[in-house]
Amino acid sequence: MMKIKAYASFDDYVAGQSPKNQAIIRALRRFVRRVEPGLREAVKWGNGCWIGKDGPVAYVYSAAEYVQFGFFMGASLTDPKGLIEGKGRYVRHIKVRDRSAIDQGAFAPLLGQAAGSRQGRRTSPPRRTRG
């Protein structure tokens, strides 16, 4: 069983990645801070994450050839540009191979939906109540 590397902070997570991926992650970090300033940074499951008031929203995962900019509830997001990849029941991601590939016009609505902001509020089914 592979052990997940522990990082004390988001900064430590970034420092532990390749120089190319550090540049991508820093650019994503600036983007997230600008678009959803209410999200807090953390390290969860060995990856850099952004946490909202209702739990984890987005993450970065550093692979050899790219950085995944992922969404914990990505399967429920509306993605008109078809950027999101993955087949998981919930989690989906965008592969970012260069910081210039951060399409702010397309990424911002996705992040907004994931965070539940006014910028891109996702609609979810009403909760069932007993009664």
C-alpha atoms as a PDB file:
ATOM      1  CA  MET A   1       0.000   0.000   0.000  1.00  0.00           C
ATOM      2  CA  MET A   2       1.369   3.389  -1.014  1.00  0.00           C
ATOM      3  CA  LYS A   3       1.653   5.950   1.761  1.00  0.00           C
ATOM      4  CA  ILE A   4       0.365   9.474   1.081  1.00  0.00           C
ATOM      5  CA  LYS A   5       3.029  12.115   1.565  1.00  0.00           C
ATOM      6  CA  ALA A   6       2.176  14.526   4.369  1.00  0.00           C
ATOM      7  CA  TYR A   7       2.621  18.272   4.000  1.00  0.00           C
ATOM      8  CA  ALA A   8       2.257  20.739   6.874  1.00  0.00           C
ATOM      9  CA  SER A   9       0.755  23.478   4.694  1.00  0.00           C
ATOM     10  CA  PHE A  10      -0.305  24.394   1.182  1.00  0.00           C
ATOM     11  CA  ASP A  11       3.030  26.212   0.804  1.00  0.00           C
ATOM     12  CA  ASP A  12       4.871  23.014   1.709  1.00  0.00           C
ATOM     13  CA  TYR A  13       2.777  21.103  -0.823  1.00  0.00           C
ATOM     14  CA  VAL A  14       3.722  23.561  -3.582  1.00  0.00           C
ATOM     15  CA  ALA A  15       7.410  23.456  -2.596  1.00  0.00           C
ATOM     16  CA  GLY A  16       7.380  19.658  -2.898  1.00  0.00           C
ATOM     17  CA  GLN A  17       6.398  19.678  -6.584  1.00  0.00           C
ATOM     18  CA  SER A  18       8.486  19.985  -9.755  1.00  0.00           C
ATOM     19  CA  PRO A  19       9.410  23.553 -10.799  1.00  0.00           C
ATOM     20  CA  LYS A  20       7.071  23.397 -13.811  1.00  0.00           C
ATOM     21  CA  ASN A  21       4.150  22.219 -11.681  1.00  0.00           C
ATOM     22  CA  GLN A  22       4.963  24.785  -8.988  1.00  0.00           C
ATOM     23  CA  ALA A  23       4.428  27.537 -11.585  1.00  0.00           C
ATOM     24  CA  ILE A  24       1.077  26.038 -12.630  1.00  0.00           C
ATOM     25  CA  ILE A  25      -0.067  25.579  -9.028  1.00  0.00           C
ATOM     26  CA  ARG A  26       0.916  29.146  -8.107  1.00  0.00           C
ATOM     27  CA  ALA A  27      -1.072  30.446 -11.083  1.00  0.00           C
ATOM     28  CA  LEU A  28      -4.088  28.343 -10.053  1.00  0.00           C
ATOM     29  CA  ARG A  29      -3.688  29.589  -6.496  1.00  0.00           C
ATOM     30  CA  ARG A  30      -3.813  33.245  -7.650  1.00  0.00           C
ATOM     31  CA  PHE A  31      -6.815  32.424  -9.815  1.00  0.00           C
ATOM     32  CA  VAL A  32      -8.728  30.763  -6.952  1.00  0.00           C
ATOM     33  CA  ARG A  33      -7.931  33.626  -4.551  1.00  0.00           C
ATOM     34  CA  ARG A  34      -9.263  36.138  -7.059  1.00  0.00           C
ATOM     35  CA  VAL A  35     -12.392  34.225  -8.129  1.00  0.00           C
ATOM     36  CA  GLU A  36     -13.383  32.650  -4.779  1.00  0.00           C
ATOM     37  CA  PRO A  37     -11.569  34.563  -2.017  1.00  0.00           C
ATOM     38  CA  GLY A  38     -13.685  32.910   0.695  1.00  0.00           C
ATOM     39  CA  LEU A  39     -12.114  29.498   0.143  1.00  0.00           C
ATOM     40  CA  ARG A  40      -9.362  28.503   2.536  1.00  0.00           C
ATOM     41  CA  GLU A  41      -6.321  26.491   1.583  1.00  0.00           C
ATOM     42  CA  ALA A  42      -5.472  23.157   3.148  1.00  0.00           C
ATOM     43  CA  VAL A  43      -3.725  19.896   2.374  1.00  0.00           C
ATOM     44  CA  LYS A  44      -6.022  16.882   2.292  1.00  0.00           C
ATOM     45  CA  TRP A  45      -5.259  13.388   1.064  1.00  0.00           C
ATOM     46  CA  GLY A  46      -1.748  14.503   0.086  1.00  0.00           C
ATOM     47  CA  ASN A  47      -2.967  17.257  -2.274  1.00  0.00           C
ATOM     48  CA  GLY A  48      -3.478  21.001  -2.124  1.00  0.00           C
ATOM     49  CA  CYS A  49      -7.173  21.745  -1.557  1.00  0.00           C
ATOM     50  CA  TRP A  50      -9.552  24.659  -1.296  1.00  0.00           C
ATOM     51  CA  ILE A  51     -12.212  24.322   1.347  1.00  0.00           C
ATOM     52  CA  GLY A  52     -15.511  26.198   1.517  1.00  0.00           C
ATOM     53  CA  LYS A  53     -17.964  26.557   4.368  1.00  0.00           C
ATOM     54  CA  ASP A  54     -19.659  23.291   3.351  1.00  0.00           C
ATOM     55  CA  GLY A  55     -16.479  21.258   2.814  1.00  0.00           C
ATOM     56  CA  PRO A  56     -13.873  20.583   0.124  1.00  0.00           C
ATOM     57  CA  VAL A  57     -14.465  22.376  -3.197  1.00  0.00           C
ATOM     58  CA  ALA A  58     -11.386  22.010  -5.413  1.00  0.00           C
ATOM     59  CA  TYR A  59      -7.925  20.501  -5.386  1.00  0.00           C
ATOM     60  CA  VAL A  60      -4.622  20.332  -7.236  1.00  0.00           C
ATOM     61  CA  TYR A  61      -2.819  17.077  -7.879  1.00  0.00           C
ATOM     62  CA  SER A  62       0.669  17.176  -9.315  1.00  0.00           C
ATOM     63  CA  ALA A  63       1.374  14.491 -11.921  1.00  0.00           C
ATOM     64  CA  ALA A  64       4.586  14.177 -13.949  1.00  0.00           C
ATOM     65  CA  GLU A  65       3.239  15.823 -17.120  1.00  0.00           C
ATOM     66  CA  TYR A  66       0.435  18.038 -15.801  1.00  0.00           C
ATOM     67  CA  VAL A  67      -1.443  19.389 -12.798  1.00  0.00           C
ATOM     68  CA  GLN A  68      -4.998  18.298 -12.170  1.00  0.00           C
ATOM     69  CA  PHE A  69      -7.262  21.161 -11.165  1.00  0.00           C
ATOM     70  CA  GLY A  70     -10.107  19.134  -9.764  1.00  0.00           C
ATOM     71  CA  PHE A  71     -13.534  19.541  -8.278  1.00  0.00           C
ATOM     72  CA  PHE A  72     -14.834  17.292  -5.515  1.00  0.00           C
ATOM     73  CA  MET A  73     -18.374  17.417  -6.925  1.00  0.00           C
ATOM     74  CA  GLY A  74     -17.201  17.798 -10.517  1.00  0.00           C
ATOM     75  CA  ALA A  75     -19.663  15.259 -11.917  1.00  0.00           C
ATOM     76  CA  SER A  76     -22.506  17.658 -11.063  1.00  0.00           C
ATOM     77  CA  LEU A  77     -20.998  20.721 -12.770  1.00  0.00           C
ATOM     78  CA  THR A  78     -22.306  22.183 -16.004  1.00  0.00           C
ATOM     79  CA  ASP A  79     -19.322  22.246 -18.377  1.00  0.00           C
ATOM     80  CA  PRO A  80     -20.329  23.804 -21.716  1.00  0.00           C
ATOM     81  CA  LYS A  81     -16.725  23.805 -23.013  1.00  0.00           C
ATOM     82  CA  GLY A  82     -16.162  20.126 -22.193  1.00  0.00           C
ATOM     83  CA  LEU A  83     -13.002  20.750 -20.154  1.00  0.00           C
ATOM     84  CA  ILE A  84     -13.695  18.388 -17.281  1.00  0.00           C
ATOM     85  CA  GLU A  85     -12.322  14.846 -17.442  1.00  0.00           C
ATOM     86  CA  GLY A  86     -12.759  11.767 -15.322  1.00  0.00           C
ATOM     87  CA  LYS A  87     -15.216   9.003 -14.718  1.00  0.00           C
ATOM     88  CA  GLY A  88     -15.489   9.048 -10.944  1.00  0.00           C
ATOM     89  CA  ARG A  89     -18.865   9.132  -9.315  1.00  0.00           C
ATOM     90  CA  TYR A  90     -18.185  12.627  -7.913  1.00  0.00           C
ATOM     91  CA  VAL A  91     -14.656  13.927  -8.491  1.00  0.00           C
ATOM     92  CA  ARG A  92     -13.635  15.311 -11.888  1.00  0.00           C
ATOM     93  CA  HIS A  93     -10.678  17.385 -13.068  1.00  0.00           C
ATOM     94  CA  ILE A  94      -9.081  19.504 -15.764  1.00  0.00           C
ATOM     95  CA  LYS A  95      -5.524  18.662 -16.828  1.00  0.00           C
ATOM     96  CA  VAL A  96      -3.405  21.827 -16.899  1.00  0.00           C
ATOM     97  CA  ARG A  97      -0.111  21.362 -18.727  1.00  0.00           C
ATOM     98  CA  ASP A  98       1.020  25.004 -18.702  1.00  0.00           C
ATOM     99  CA  ARG A  99      -0.031  28.018 -16.677  1.00  0.00           C
ATOM    100  CA  SER A 100      -1.038  29.799 -19.894  1.00  0.00           C
ATOM    101  CA  ALA A 101      -3.693  27.071 -20.305  1.00  0.00           C
ATOM    102  CA  ILE A 102      -5.650  28.405 -17.332  1.00  0.00           C
ATOM    103  CA  ASP A 103      -8.725  29.592 -19.220  1.00  0.00           C
ATOM    104  CA  GLN A 104     -10.100  32.048 -16.708  1.00  0.00           C
ATOM    105  CA  GLY A 105     -13.263  32.594 -18.727  1.00  0.00           C
ATOM    106  CA  ALA A 106     -14.041  28.869 -18.610  1.00  0.00           C
ATOM    107  CA  PHE A 107     -12.501  27.962 -15.241  1.00  0.00           C
ATOM    108  CA  ALA A 108     -14.210  30.744 -13.244  1.00  0.00           C
ATOM    109  CA  PRO A 109     -17.790  29.526 -13.847  1.00  0.00           C
ATOM    110  CA  LEU A 110     -16.746  25.963 -12.959  1.00  0.00           C
ATOM    111  CA  LEU A 111     -15.084  27.071  -9.739  1.00  0.00           C
ATOM    112  CA  GLY A 112     -18.056  29.284  -8.961  1.00  0.00           C
ATOM    113  CA  GLN A 113     -20.450  26.392  -9.415  1.00  0.00           C
ATOM    114  CA  ALA A 114     -18.277  24.128  -7.280  1.00  0.00           C
ATOM    115  CA  ALA A 115     -18.085  26.734  -4.513  1.00  0.00           C
ATOM    116  CA  GLY A 116     -21.781  27.553  -4.795  1.00  0.00           C
ATOM    117  CA  SER A 117     -21.094  31.244  -5.411  1.00  0.00           C
ATOM    118  CA  ARG A 118     -23.344  33.704  -7.175  1.00  0.00           C
ATOM    119  CA  GLN A 119     -20.901  33.694 -10.056  1.00  0.00           C
ATOM    120  CA  GLY A 120     -21.800  30.154 -10.973  1.00  0.00           C
ATOM    121  CA  ARG A 121     -24.216  28.743  -8.434  1.00  0.00           C
ATOM    122  CA  ARG A 122     -24.987  25.144  -9.184  1.00  0.00           C
ATOM    123  CA  THR A 123     -28.453  23.913  -8.748  1.00  0.00           C
ATOM    124  CA  SER A 124     -28.940  20.878  -6.627  1.00  0.00           C
ATOM    125  CA  PRO A 125     -32.086  18.884  -6.072  1.00  0.00           C
ATOM    126  CA  PRO A 126     -34.151  19.885  -3.057  1.00  0.00           C
ATOM    127  CA  ARG A 127     -33.508  17.913   0.103  1.00  0.00           C
ATOM    128  CA  ARG A 128     -36.105  15.359   0.973  1.00  0.00           C
ATOM    129  CA  THR A 129     -37.704  15.764   4.306  1.00  0.00           C
ATOM    130  CA  ARG A 130     -39.747  13.316   6.261  1.00  0.00           C
ATOM    131  CA  GLY A 131     -43.178  14.394   7.018  1.00  0.00           C
END
